């Protein structure tokens, strides 16, 4: 009898070890269920068991699963099979105790992310199933707080938030948001992790930002679909202070920005001093969203070496948007955008704004000064656009070294450039219904080479210049009958040159304003 028991024990141990070494951990074989009944412990138990054996695949067969937040560990694959729906609990207590996350560019203590990892590596989420954050409960709570006309009795979560984060310093612009003391969790945040892959899955209804790696290295996001309805701050993909990021073949329609590159906010971002760099975004489609691809406004750790190519934006508020403000600091540089198609853009196709918080008090150049430079855009077609583009620098740090090449835009309003230098437009066609196609003021070192419009407006210059210096208009040939090609004004304007232009179809090639003090020669 003792021998039989020993044999059975050995056989059981061998079978268990063999099964575990197979690396496949089926949730249904670990106490979970696919009937939509809460089974957080079973799912987390399978993840922990796989981790004990050095790693493996935690498998969700078809069916509906309900879980609280999950902690991912090194060498773990979550495989969500086609037909599997993983839904996250709407009970806020399940996301306690608070953990350290980066939340809107500041490292704080708040609710645990729905899928969370810390100091781990080699994490994969894959499959053809769906992950549902069930974010409406979170949205409705923040809407309740924001819309209150009278001061509300603080909830236990607000009291916890204030107690845990009382030491955090917040810039004036963000004090209103922080005062709500209810910081919803991102659906996925890996914090200080390496080698992350998310592919194939559909993710929907995130409480807050959806895919949000922070301080991570080597990230691949491929063939992912993200759907968030009209909802607050439900960005699609937000790497913050990450390096070597590849985002490809994905489809995004969300309640805020589709893809946003970030690196921390204000003093806290400068303290961590970790840039986001070496990012490629390619072959993606973006529908509803505040912006197609956005950089900032949290960019205090700097953002550099970003390429955006072969993407379609259809219905976003803006196309490419860079935003920052005084007090943020950091450098955004070496950005390349190419082969992009836009349609139905509600605001600007291109927006570069250093006045994001509308602070008009000029400062000396310090670590608080944000910098945008070395940004080059080419091969873009945009239709049904409100405004072709806006470039808005600050006097102490003009936006500089920015170029637009081979661009064709149909818009109500054209490009406007204010407080910038070393700006070039080459082979850019802007068809407007209101105002000039190109307007430049308070700027220097400007090249307008072969720029045109097919819809010149009566008594409206195609190009309007005011208080500019070192400007060259070159190789321009208006093909449509045009009243005025360029109007120049401003008491500080100097060194404006018109060279190698053909104005056969123009009534008035050059119109000058009353404040202009210099003579401009037309060759």
Protein backbone atom coordinates (compact mmCIF):
# COMPACT_ATOMS: atom_id res chain seq x y z
CA UNK A 1 0.00 0.00 0.00
CA UNK A 2 2.82 2.38 0.89
CA UNK A 3 4.48 1.62 -2.44
CA UNK A 4 1.24 2.37 -4.29
CA UNK A 5 0.87 5.70 -2.49
CA UNK A 6 4.48 6.55 -3.29
CA UNK A 7 4.02 5.64 -6.96
CA UNK A 8 0.86 7.75 -7.18
CA UNK A 9 2.60 10.68 -5.50
CA UNK A 10 5.55 10.48 -7.88
CA UNK A 11 3.19 10.15 -10.88
CA UNK A 12 1.11 13.14 -9.73
CA UNK A 13 4.20 15.27 -9.19
CA UNK A 14 5.61 14.27 -12.56
CA UNK A 15 2.31 14.94 -14.32
CA UNK A 16 1.94 18.32 -12.61
CA UNK A 17 5.52 19.28 -13.45
CA UNK A 18 5.13 18.09 -17.04
CA UNK A 19 1.88 20.03 -17.42
CA UNK A 20 3.41 23.16 -15.90
CA UNK A 21 6.51 22.88 -18.06
CA UNK A 22 4.21 22.82 -21.05
CA UNK A 23 3.75 26.51 -20.17
CA UNK A 24 -0.01 26.62 -20.75
CA UNK A 25 -2.22 27.72 -17.86
CA UNK A 26 -5.89 27.51 -18.75
CA UNK A 27 -7.99 29.78 -16.54
CA UNK A 28 -10.81 27.24 -16.50
CA UNK A 29 -8.44 24.64 -15.05
CA UNK A 30 -7.32 27.02 -12.29
CA UNK A 31 -10.63 27.74 -10.63
CA UNK A 32 -11.80 30.43 -13.03
CA UNK A 33 -15.02 30.53 -14.98
CA UNK A 34 -16.19 31.95 -18.30
CA UNK A 35 -19.72 32.72 -17.11
CA UNK A 36 -19.06 36.36 -16.18
CA UNK A 37 -18.70 35.65 -12.44
CA UNK A 38 -15.91 37.42 -10.56
CA UNK A 39 -12.76 35.24 -10.55
CA UNK A 40 -9.87 37.60 -9.85
CA UNK A 41 -8.15 35.19 -7.46
CA UNK A 42 -8.22 32.36 -9.98
CA UNK A 43 -6.76 34.49 -12.77
CA UNK A 44 -4.10 36.03 -10.56
CA UNK A 45 -3.37 32.58 -9.18
CA UNK A 46 -2.71 31.28 -12.70
CA UNK A 47 -0.38 34.22 -13.38
CA UNK A 48 1.47 33.59 -10.11
CA UNK A 49 1.71 29.84 -10.80
CA UNK A 50 3.14 30.48 -14.25
CA UNK A 51 5.66 32.90 -12.72
CA UNK A 52 6.74 30.23 -10.19
CA UNK A 53 7.63 27.94 -13.09
CA UNK A 54 9.68 30.65 -14.78
CA UNK A 55 6.92 31.87 -17.07
CA UNK A 56 4.20 30.66 -19.39
CA UNK A 57 0.95 31.45 -21.17
CA UNK A 58 -2.18 32.24 -19.17
CA UNK A 59 -5.01 31.24 -21.47
CA UNK A 60 -8.53 32.64 -21.66
CA UNK A 61 -10.73 30.33 -23.78
CA UNK A 62 -13.90 31.72 -25.36
CA UNK A 63 -16.43 33.02 -22.86
CA UNK A 64 -16.94 35.97 -20.53
CA UNK A 65 -14.61 36.65 -17.59
CA UNK A 66 -14.99 39.19 -14.81
CA UNK A 67 -11.93 40.24 -12.84
CA UNK A 68 -10.44 42.94 -10.67
CA UNK A 69 -6.99 44.40 -11.42
CA UNK A 70 -4.25 41.93 -12.35
CA UNK A 71 -0.53 42.08 -11.62
CA UNK A 72 1.56 40.87 -14.55
CA UNK A 73 4.97 39.35 -13.95
CA UNK A 74 8.09 38.55 -15.94
CA UNK A 75 7.90 36.02 -18.78
CA UNK A 76 4.10 35.95 -18.78
CA UNK A 77 1.83 35.84 -21.83
CA UNK A 78 -1.86 36.66 -21.47
CA UNK A 79 -3.57 34.96 -24.41
CA UNK A 80 -7.16 36.14 -24.89
CA UNK A 81 -8.68 33.72 -27.38
CA UNK A 82 -11.10 34.76 -30.13
CA UNK A 83 -14.54 34.81 -28.50
CA UNK A 84 -13.12 35.59 -25.06
CA UNK A 85 -14.27 38.79 -23.34
CA UNK A 86 -12.29 39.86 -20.26
CA UNK A 87 -14.26 42.48 -18.32
CA UNK A 88 -12.93 44.44 -15.35
CA UNK A 89 -14.86 45.07 -12.17
CA UNK A 90 -16.64 48.38 -11.60
CA UNK A 91 -16.17 48.12 -7.82
CA UNK A 92 -13.58 50.78 -7.01
CA UNK A 93 -12.60 48.94 -3.81
CA UNK A 94 -11.11 46.18 -5.93
CA UNK A 95 -8.43 48.65 -7.09
CA UNK A 96 -7.13 49.29 -3.59
CA UNK A 97 -4.66 49.68 -1.97
CA UNK A 98 -3.17 52.53 -3.95
CA UNK A 99 0.03 51.92 -5.89
CA UNK A 100 2.63 54.21 -7.42
CA UNK A 101 1.88 55.16 -11.02
CA UNK A 102 2.65 58.01 -13.36
CA UNK A 103 -0.65 59.84 -13.75
CA UNK A 104 -0.87 62.67 -16.28
CA UNK A 105 2.88 63.20 -16.10
CA UNK A 106 3.26 63.13 -12.30
CA UNK A 107 4.24 60.11 -10.20
CA UNK A 108 1.58 59.69 -7.53
CA UNK A 109 -0.26 57.11 -5.45
CA UNK A 110 -3.64 56.14 -6.85
CA UNK A 111 -5.87 53.23 -7.92
CA UNK A 112 -4.10 50.17 -9.27
CA UNK A 113 -4.14 49.99 -13.08
CA UNK A 114 -6.39 47.27 -14.48
CA UNK A 115 -3.38 45.48 -15.95
CA UNK A 116 -0.31 46.42 -13.96
CA UNK A 117 3.36 45.46 -13.92
CA UNK A 118 6.33 46.83 -12.05
CA UNK A 119 10.06 46.08 -12.53
CA UNK A 120 9.24 43.14 -14.81
CA UNK A 121 10.34 42.06 -18.28
CA UNK A 122 9.13 40.00 -21.21
CA UNK A 123 5.38 40.61 -20.86
CA UNK A 124 2.97 39.86 -23.71
CA UNK A 125 -0.77 40.40 -24.18
CA UNK A 126 -2.03 38.71 -27.31
CA UNK A 127 -4.97 36.96 -28.97
CA UNK A 128 -8.05 37.87 -30.96
CA UNK A 129 -10.32 38.43 -27.97
CA UNK A 130 -11.51 41.59 -26.24
CA UNK A 131 -10.46 43.35 -23.04
CA UNK A 132 -13.18 45.62 -21.66
CA UNK A 133 -12.35 48.15 -18.94
CA UNK A 134 -16.03 48.89 -18.24
CA UNK A 135 -15.03 52.49 -17.77
CA UNK A 136 -18.47 54.06 -17.57
CA UNK A 137 -18.63 53.78 -13.78
CA UNK A 138 -15.34 55.69 -13.57
CA UNK A 139 -16.45 58.31 -16.13
CA UNK A 140 -19.72 58.92 -14.34
CA UNK A 141 -17.94 59.47 -11.03
CA UNK A 142 -15.56 62.07 -12.45
CA UNK A 143 -18.45 63.72 -14.30
CA UNK A 144 -20.36 63.85 -10.99
CA UNK A 145 -17.42 65.56 -9.28
CA UNK A 146 -16.65 67.96 -12.13
CA UNK A 147 -20.23 69.08 -12.68
CA UNK A 148 -21.11 69.75 -9.04
CA UNK A 149 -22.27 73.32 -8.54
CA UNK A 150 -21.67 73.16 -4.80
CA UNK A 151 -18.84 71.62 -2.84
CA UNK A 152 -19.47 67.91 -2.29
CA UNK A 153 -18.77 65.83 0.77
CA UNK A 154 -15.46 64.07 -0.07
CA UNK A 155 -15.64 60.34 -0.71
CA UNK A 156 -13.33 57.90 1.00
CA UNK A 157 -11.31 57.69 -2.24
CA UNK A 158 -10.82 61.46 -2.32
CA UNK A 159 -9.71 61.44 1.31
CA UNK A 160 -7.25 58.64 0.55
CA UNK A 161 -5.94 60.51 -2.49
CA UNK A 162 -5.37 63.72 -0.56
CA UNK A 163 -3.63 61.89 2.26
CA UNK A 164 -1.37 59.91 -0.09
CA UNK A 165 -0.41 62.83 -2.34
CA UNK A 166 -0.47 65.92 -0.17
CA UNK A 167 3.21 66.56 -0.86
CA UNK A 168 2.78 66.76 -4.65
CA UNK A 169 3.41 70.22 -6.12
CA UNK A 170 1.05 71.18 -8.95
CA UNK A 171 1.29 74.01 -11.47
CA UNK A 172 -1.59 76.46 -11.45
CA UNK A 173 -2.94 75.19 -14.76
CA UNK A 174 -3.51 71.69 -13.37
CA UNK A 175 -4.78 72.59 -9.89
CA UNK A 176 -8.40 72.30 -10.99
CA UNK A 177 -7.89 68.74 -12.25
CA UNK A 178 -5.91 67.70 -9.18
CA UNK A 179 -8.55 69.23 -6.91
CA UNK A 180 -11.02 66.53 -7.95
CA UNK A 181 -8.88 64.02 -5.97
CA UNK A 182 -10.19 61.15 -8.07
CA UNK A 183 -7.48 59.83 -10.36
CA UNK A 184 -8.88 57.06 -12.51
CA UNK A 185 -6.50 54.20 -13.35
CA UNK A 186 -5.12 53.53 -16.83
CA UNK A 187 -6.21 50.22 -18.32
CA UNK A 188 -2.60 49.08 -18.81
CA UNK A 189 0.46 50.55 -17.15
CA UNK A 190 3.81 48.85 -16.95
CA UNK A 191 6.17 50.84 -14.71
CA UNK A 192 9.95 50.42 -15.18
CA UNK A 193 9.58 47.30 -17.33
CA UNK A 194 11.31 45.90 -20.41
CA UNK A 195 10.30 43.93 -23.49
CA UNK A 196 6.55 44.49 -23.68
CA UNK A 197 4.38 43.25 -26.54
CA UNK A 198 0.67 43.90 -27.06
CA UNK A 199 -0.73 42.47 -30.28
CA UNK A 200 -3.96 41.36 -31.90
CA UNK A 201 -6.36 42.18 -29.07
CA UNK A 202 -9.27 44.59 -29.01
CA UNK A 203 -9.36 46.93 -26.01
CA UNK A 204 -12.41 49.03 -25.16
CA UNK A 205 -14.02 51.25 -22.52
CA UNK A 206 -10.89 52.23 -20.63
CA UNK A 207 -11.47 54.17 -17.38
CA UNK A 208 -8.64 56.56 -18.31
CA UNK A 209 -5.62 56.31 -20.66
CA UNK A 210 -5.67 52.90 -22.33
CA UNK A 211 -2.14 51.61 -23.08
CA UNK A 212 0.23 53.64 -20.91
CA UNK A 213 3.74 52.22 -20.39
CA UNK A 214 5.90 54.39 -18.12
CA UNK A 215 9.71 54.35 -17.85
CA UNK A 216 9.82 51.23 -20.05
CA UNK A 217 12.17 50.00 -22.77
CA UNK A 218 11.51 47.97 -25.92
CA UNK A 219 7.76 48.12 -26.51
CA UNK A 220 5.86 46.65 -29.45
CA UNK A 221 2.17 47.45 -30.02
CA UNK A 222 0.94 45.81 -33.20
CA UNK A 223 -2.44 45.11 -34.82
CA UNK A 224 -4.36 46.38 -31.80
CA UNK A 225 -7.86 47.90 -31.97
CA UNK A 226 -8.86 50.43 -29.31
CA UNK A 227 -12.43 51.70 -28.94
CA UNK A 228 -13.48 54.22 -26.31
CA UNK A 229 -16.71 56.20 -26.82
CA UNK A 230 -17.17 59.85 -25.93
CA UNK A 231 -15.53 59.84 -22.50
CA UNK A 232 -13.03 61.90 -20.48
CA UNK A 233 -9.27 61.42 -20.97
CA UNK A 234 -9.59 58.01 -22.64
CA UNK A 235 -6.48 58.32 -24.83
CA UNK A 236 -5.50 55.31 -26.90
CA UNK A 237 -1.73 54.75 -26.60
CA UNK A 238 0.42 56.95 -24.31
CA UNK A 239 4.06 55.93 -23.84
CA UNK A 240 5.63 58.19 -21.23
CA UNK A 241 9.39 58.33 -20.63
CA UNK A 242 9.85 55.19 -22.72
CA UNK A 243 12.49 54.21 -25.27
CA UNK A 244 12.46 52.00 -28.37
CA UNK A 245 8.70 51.99 -28.98
CA UNK A 246 7.06 50.53 -32.10
CA UNK A 247 3.36 51.18 -32.77
CA UNK A 248 2.03 49.66 -35.99
CA UNK A 249 -0.99 48.36 -37.90
CA UNK A 250 -3.41 49.55 -35.24
CA UNK A 251 -6.89 51.09 -35.35
CA UNK A 252 -7.88 53.68 -32.75
CA UNK A 253 -11.13 55.55 -32.06
CA UNK A 254 -11.28 57.10 -28.60
CA UNK A 255 -12.61 59.89 -26.39
CA UNK A 256 -9.34 61.86 -26.29
CA UNK A 257 -6.05 61.70 -28.19
CA UNK A 258 -5.44 58.58 -30.28
CA UNK A 259 -1.66 58.32 -29.76
CA UNK A 260 0.20 60.69 -27.44
CA UNK A 261 3.92 60.78 -26.69
CA UNK A 262 4.78 62.10 -23.21
CA UNK A 263 7.66 62.34 -20.73
CA UNK A 264 6.45 63.90 -17.49
CA UNK A 265 5.08 67.23 -16.34
CA UNK A 266 6.80 70.30 -14.89
CA UNK A 267 9.09 69.90 -11.87
CA UNK A 268 8.21 66.24 -11.31
CA UNK A 269 8.93 65.40 -14.94
CA UNK A 270 12.28 67.19 -14.78
CA UNK A 271 13.10 65.35 -11.56
CA UNK A 272 12.70 61.95 -13.26
CA UNK A 273 14.50 63.38 -16.31
CA UNK A 274 13.68 60.42 -18.55
CA UNK A 275 12.97 61.18 -22.21
CA UNK A 276 10.74 59.30 -24.60
CA UNK A 277 12.87 58.48 -27.62
CA UNK A 278 13.24 56.18 -30.61
CA UNK A 279 9.53 55.85 -31.40
CA UNK A 280 8.04 54.67 -34.69
CA UNK A 281 4.34 54.97 -35.51
CA UNK A 282 3.30 53.43 -38.82
CA UNK A 283 0.37 51.97 -40.76
CA UNK A 284 -2.25 53.09 -38.24
CA UNK A 285 -5.76 54.47 -38.68
CA UNK A 286 -7.25 56.99 -36.25
CA UNK A 287 -10.91 57.99 -36.25
CA UNK A 288 -12.59 59.82 -33.37
CA UNK A 289 -10.13 61.58 -31.07
CA UNK A 290 -8.90 65.00 -30.03
CA UNK A 291 -5.69 64.41 -31.96
CA UNK A 292 -4.32 61.79 -34.33
CA UNK A 293 -0.74 61.82 -33.03
CA UNK A 294 0.02 64.29 -30.23
CA UNK A 295 3.32 65.12 -28.54
CA UNK A 296 2.98 66.70 -25.09
CA UNK A 297 1.83 68.60 -23.30
CA UNK A 298 3.64 66.56 -20.64
CA UNK A 299 7.14 66.68 -22.17
CA UNK A 300 9.36 67.90 -19.34
CA UNK A 301 11.68 64.89 -19.66
CA UNK A 302 12.10 65.64 -23.41
CA UNK A 303 10.90 63.76 -26.49
CA UNK A 304 13.19 62.97 -29.38
CA UNK A 305 13.68 60.80 -32.48
CA UNK A 306 10.06 60.14 -33.44
CA UNK A 307 8.83 58.98 -36.86
CA UNK A 308 5.18 58.96 -37.95
CA UNK A 309 4.46 57.43 -41.36
CA UNK A 310 1.78 55.82 -43.54
CA UNK A 311 -1.13 56.76 -41.28
CA UNK A 312 -4.72 57.87 -41.88
CA UNK A 313 -6.59 60.34 -39.66
CA UNK A 314 -10.30 60.56 -40.41
CA UNK A 315 -12.53 62.60 -38.10
CA UNK A 316 -10.05 63.58 -35.39
CA UNK A 317 -10.16 67.11 -33.97
CA UNK A 318 -6.55 67.66 -35.05
CA UNK A 319 -4.01 65.73 -37.07
CA UNK A 320 -0.45 66.22 -35.80
CA UNK A 321 -0.31 68.28 -32.61
CA UNK A 322 2.62 69.38 -30.44
CA UNK A 323 1.77 71.25 -27.26
CA UNK A 324 3.68 72.61 -24.27
CA UNK A 325 3.87 75.69 -22.08
CA UNK A 326 6.15 77.85 -20.00
CA UNK A 327 7.15 76.02 -16.84
CA UNK A 328 7.19 72.66 -18.57
CA UNK A 329 10.79 72.63 -19.79
CA UNK A 330 12.10 69.81 -21.95
CA UNK A 331 13.00 69.56 -25.62
CA UNK A 332 10.93 68.10 -28.46
CA UNK A 333 13.24 67.46 -31.38
CA UNK A 334 14.07 65.26 -34.37
CA UNK A 335 10.49 64.54 -35.41
CA UNK A 336 9.70 63.19 -38.88
CA UNK A 337 6.17 62.91 -40.33
CA UNK A 338 5.64 61.44 -43.81
CA UNK A 339 2.96 59.87 -46.02
CA UNK A 340 -0.11 60.84 -44.03
CA UNK A 341 -3.69 61.24 -45.27
CA UNK A 342 -6.20 63.32 -43.30
CA UNK A 343 -9.91 63.95 -43.77
CA UNK A 344 -12.66 65.68 -41.81
CA UNK A 345 -10.30 67.38 -39.35
CA UNK A 346 -12.36 69.56 -37.03
CA UNK A 347 -9.60 72.04 -36.09
CA UNK A 348 -5.96 72.14 -37.23
CA UNK A 349 -4.30 69.59 -39.49
CA UNK A 350 -1.01 70.69 -37.85
CA UNK A 351 -0.70 72.44 -34.49
CA UNK A 352 2.55 73.47 -32.79
CA UNK A 353 1.75 75.44 -29.65
CA UNK A 354 3.99 76.66 -26.82
CA UNK A 355 1.09 78.63 -25.29
CA UNK A 356 -0.91 75.57 -24.22
CA UNK A 357 -1.72 76.98 -20.76
CA UNK A 358 -2.10 80.54 -22.14
CA UNK A 359 0.62 81.93 -19.84
CA UNK A 360 1.59 85.28 -21.38
CA UNK A 361 4.30 86.25 -18.86
CA UNK A 362 7.67 86.14 -20.62
CA UNK A 363 10.46 84.39 -18.68
CA UNK A 364 14.24 84.13 -18.99
CA UNK A 365 15.44 80.95 -20.67
CA UNK A 366 15.87 78.32 -17.96
CA UNK A 367 15.06 74.65 -17.37
CA UNK A 368 11.41 75.78 -17.33
CA UNK A 369 11.57 76.82 -20.99
CA UNK A 370 10.08 74.33 -23.48
CA UNK A 371 11.78 73.89 -26.87
CA UNK A 372 10.38 72.64 -30.20
CA UNK A 373 12.96 72.16 -32.96
CA UNK A 374 14.08 70.01 -35.89
CA UNK A 375 10.63 68.90 -37.05
CA UNK A 376 10.05 67.93 -40.68
CA UNK A 377 6.77 67.02 -42.37
CA UNK A 378 6.32 65.77 -45.92
CA UNK A 379 3.92 63.92 -48.19
CA UNK A 380 0.58 64.90 -46.63
CA UNK A 381 -2.87 65.11 -48.23
CA UNK A 382 -5.66 66.66 -46.14
CA UNK A 383 -9.27 67.37 -47.11
CA UNK A 384 -12.25 68.87 -45.27
CA UNK A 385 -9.99 70.63 -42.78
CA UNK A 386 -10.91 73.62 -40.64
CA UNK A 387 -7.39 75.12 -40.42
CA UNK A 388 -4.32 73.96 -42.32
CA UNK A 389 -1.90 74.68 -39.51
CA UNK A 390 -0.81 76.95 -36.69
CA UNK A 391 2.69 77.52 -35.32
CA UNK A 392 2.78 79.51 -32.07
CA UNK A 393 6.09 80.04 -30.33
CA UNK A 394 7.03 82.11 -27.29
CA UNK A 395 9.31 85.18 -27.60
CA UNK A 396 12.08 83.73 -25.44
CA UNK A 397 12.06 80.47 -27.41
CA UNK A 398 10.61 80.65 -30.94
CA UNK A 399 9.76 77.32 -32.55
CA UNK A 400 12.64 76.67 -34.94
CA UNK A 401 13.83 74.48 -37.79
CA UNK A 402 10.42 73.34 -38.98
CA UNK A 403 9.70 72.36 -42.58
CA UNK A 404 6.64 71.38 -44.65
CA UNK A 405 7.29 69.68 -47.99
CA UNK A 406 4.94 68.26 -50.63
CA UNK A 407 1.73 69.15 -48.79
CA UNK A 408 -1.76 69.49 -50.31
CA UNK A 409 -4.55 70.75 -48.03
CA UNK A 410 -8.14 71.81 -48.57
CA UNK A 411 -9.15 73.96 -45.61
CA UNK A 412 -11.34 76.83 -44.54
CA UNK A 413 -8.29 78.69 -43.22
CA UNK A 414 -4.63 78.39 -44.13
CA UNK A 415 -1.32 78.23 -42.27
CA UNK A 416 -0.42 80.85 -39.66
CA UNK A 417 3.07 81.13 -38.20
CA UNK A 418 3.78 83.34 -35.18
CA UNK A 419 7.05 83.70 -33.26
CA UNK A 420 9.18 81.19 -35.13
CA UNK A 421 12.43 81.04 -37.07
CA UNK A 422 14.00 78.82 -39.72
CA UNK A 423 10.64 77.80 -41.14
CA UNK A 424 10.37 76.42 -44.68
CA UNK A 425 7.46 75.62 -46.99
CA UNK A 426 8.32 73.71 -50.17
CA UNK A 427 5.73 72.59 -52.72
CA UNK A 428 2.83 73.37 -50.41
CA UNK A 429 -0.65 73.94 -51.83
CA UNK A 430 -3.41 75.25 -49.55
CA UNK A 431 -6.90 75.86 -50.89
CA UNK A 432 -8.81 78.10 -48.48
CA UNK A 433 -12.25 79.65 -48.29
CA UNK A 434 -11.34 82.29 -45.67
CA UNK A 435 -8.22 84.49 -45.49
CA UNK A 436 -4.69 84.01 -46.77
CA UNK A 437 -3.26 80.59 -47.49
CA UNK A 438 -0.05 81.55 -45.64
CA UNK A 439 0.26 84.09 -42.86
CA UNK A 440 3.59 84.73 -41.11
CA UNK A 441 4.27 87.29 -38.37
CA UNK A 442 6.88 88.04 -35.71
CA UNK A 443 9.18 85.48 -37.33
CA UNK A 444 12.52 85.27 -39.13
CA UNK A 445 14.42 83.12 -41.63
CA UNK A 446 11.41 82.01 -43.65
CA UNK A 447 11.40 80.29 -47.06
CA UNK A 448 8.23 80.05 -49.12
CA UNK A 449 9.21 77.99 -52.16
CA UNK A 450 6.62 77.02 -54.78
CA UNK A 451 3.65 77.68 -52.50
CA UNK A 452 0.23 78.17 -54.02
CA UNK A 453 -3.52 78.01 -53.83
CA UNK A 454 -6.07 76.90 -56.41
CA UNK A 455 -8.72 79.07 -54.79
CA UNK A 456 -7.34 82.64 -54.61
CA UNK A 457 -9.81 84.95 -52.90
CA UNK A 458 -10.82 88.40 -54.07
CA UNK A 459 -8.65 91.19 -52.65
CA UNK A 460 -6.97 88.67 -50.33
CA UNK A 461 -3.21 88.01 -50.55
CA UNK A 462 -2.10 84.41 -50.94
CA UNK A 463 0.82 85.19 -48.59
CA UNK A 464 0.60 87.75 -45.81
CA UNK A 465 3.75 88.87 -43.93
CA UNK A 466 3.93 91.15 -40.88
CA UNK A 467 6.98 92.05 -38.78
CA UNK A 468 9.24 89.46 -40.39
CA UNK A 469 12.89 89.36 -41.38
CA UNK A 470 15.01 87.33 -43.78
CA UNK A 471 12.18 86.01 -45.91
CA UNK A 472 12.55 84.45 -49.37
CA UNK A 473 9.60 83.85 -51.70
CA UNK A 474 11.01 81.74 -54.49
CA UNK A 475 9.83 79.77 -57.55
CA UNK A 476 6.20 80.71 -57.11
CA UNK A 477 3.87 80.51 -60.10
CA UNK A 478 0.19 81.26 -59.35
CA UNK A 479 -1.68 79.39 -62.08
CA UNK A 480 -5.12 80.80 -61.24
CA UNK A 481 -6.10 84.45 -61.77
CA UNK A 482 -5.04 86.10 -58.51
CA UNK A 483 -5.72 89.61 -57.20
CA UNK A 484 -2.81 89.87 -54.73
CA UNK A 485 0.04 87.40 -54.26
CA UNK A 486 1.91 88.79 -51.25
CA UNK A 487 1.17 91.57 -48.78
CA UNK A 488 3.98 92.84 -46.54
CA UNK A 489 3.61 95.13 -43.53
CA UNK A 490 5.11 95.82 -40.11
CA UNK A 491 7.54 98.42 -38.80
CA UNK A 492 10.06 95.68 -37.88
CA UNK A 493 9.97 93.98 -41.26
CA UNK A 494 13.26 93.83 -43.17
CA UNK A 495 15.08 91.73 -45.75
CA UNK A 496 12.18 90.30 -47.74
CA UNK A 497 13.13 88.94 -51.17
CA UNK A 498 10.98 87.79 -54.09
CA UNK A 499 13.11 85.79 -56.57
CA UNK A 500 12.43 83.65 -59.64
CA UNK A 501 8.66 84.04 -59.46
CA UNK A 502 6.22 84.13 -62.38
CA UNK A 503 3.34 86.54 -61.75
CA UNK A 504 1.70 86.56 -65.19
CA UNK A 505 -1.67 85.65 -63.62
CA UNK A 506 -1.44 88.15 -60.76
CA UNK A 507 -2.89 91.67 -60.80
CA UNK A 508 -0.81 92.88 -57.87
CA UNK A 509 2.28 90.75 -57.12
CA UNK A 510 3.23 92.87 -54.07
CA UNK A 511 1.07 94.96 -51.76
CA UNK A 512 2.68 96.93 -48.94
CA UNK A 513 1.19 98.17 -45.69
CA UNK A 514 1.31 101.57 -44.02
CA UNK A 515 3.76 100.55 -41.28
CA UNK A 516 6.37 99.07 -43.63
CA UNK A 517 9.62 101.08 -43.49
CA UNK A 518 11.77 99.25 -46.06
CA UNK A 519 11.54 98.85 -49.80
CA UNK A 520 11.00 95.38 -51.19
CA UNK A 521 12.28 94.48 -54.65
CA UNK A 522 10.36 92.07 -56.88
CA UNK A 523 12.54 90.17 -59.42
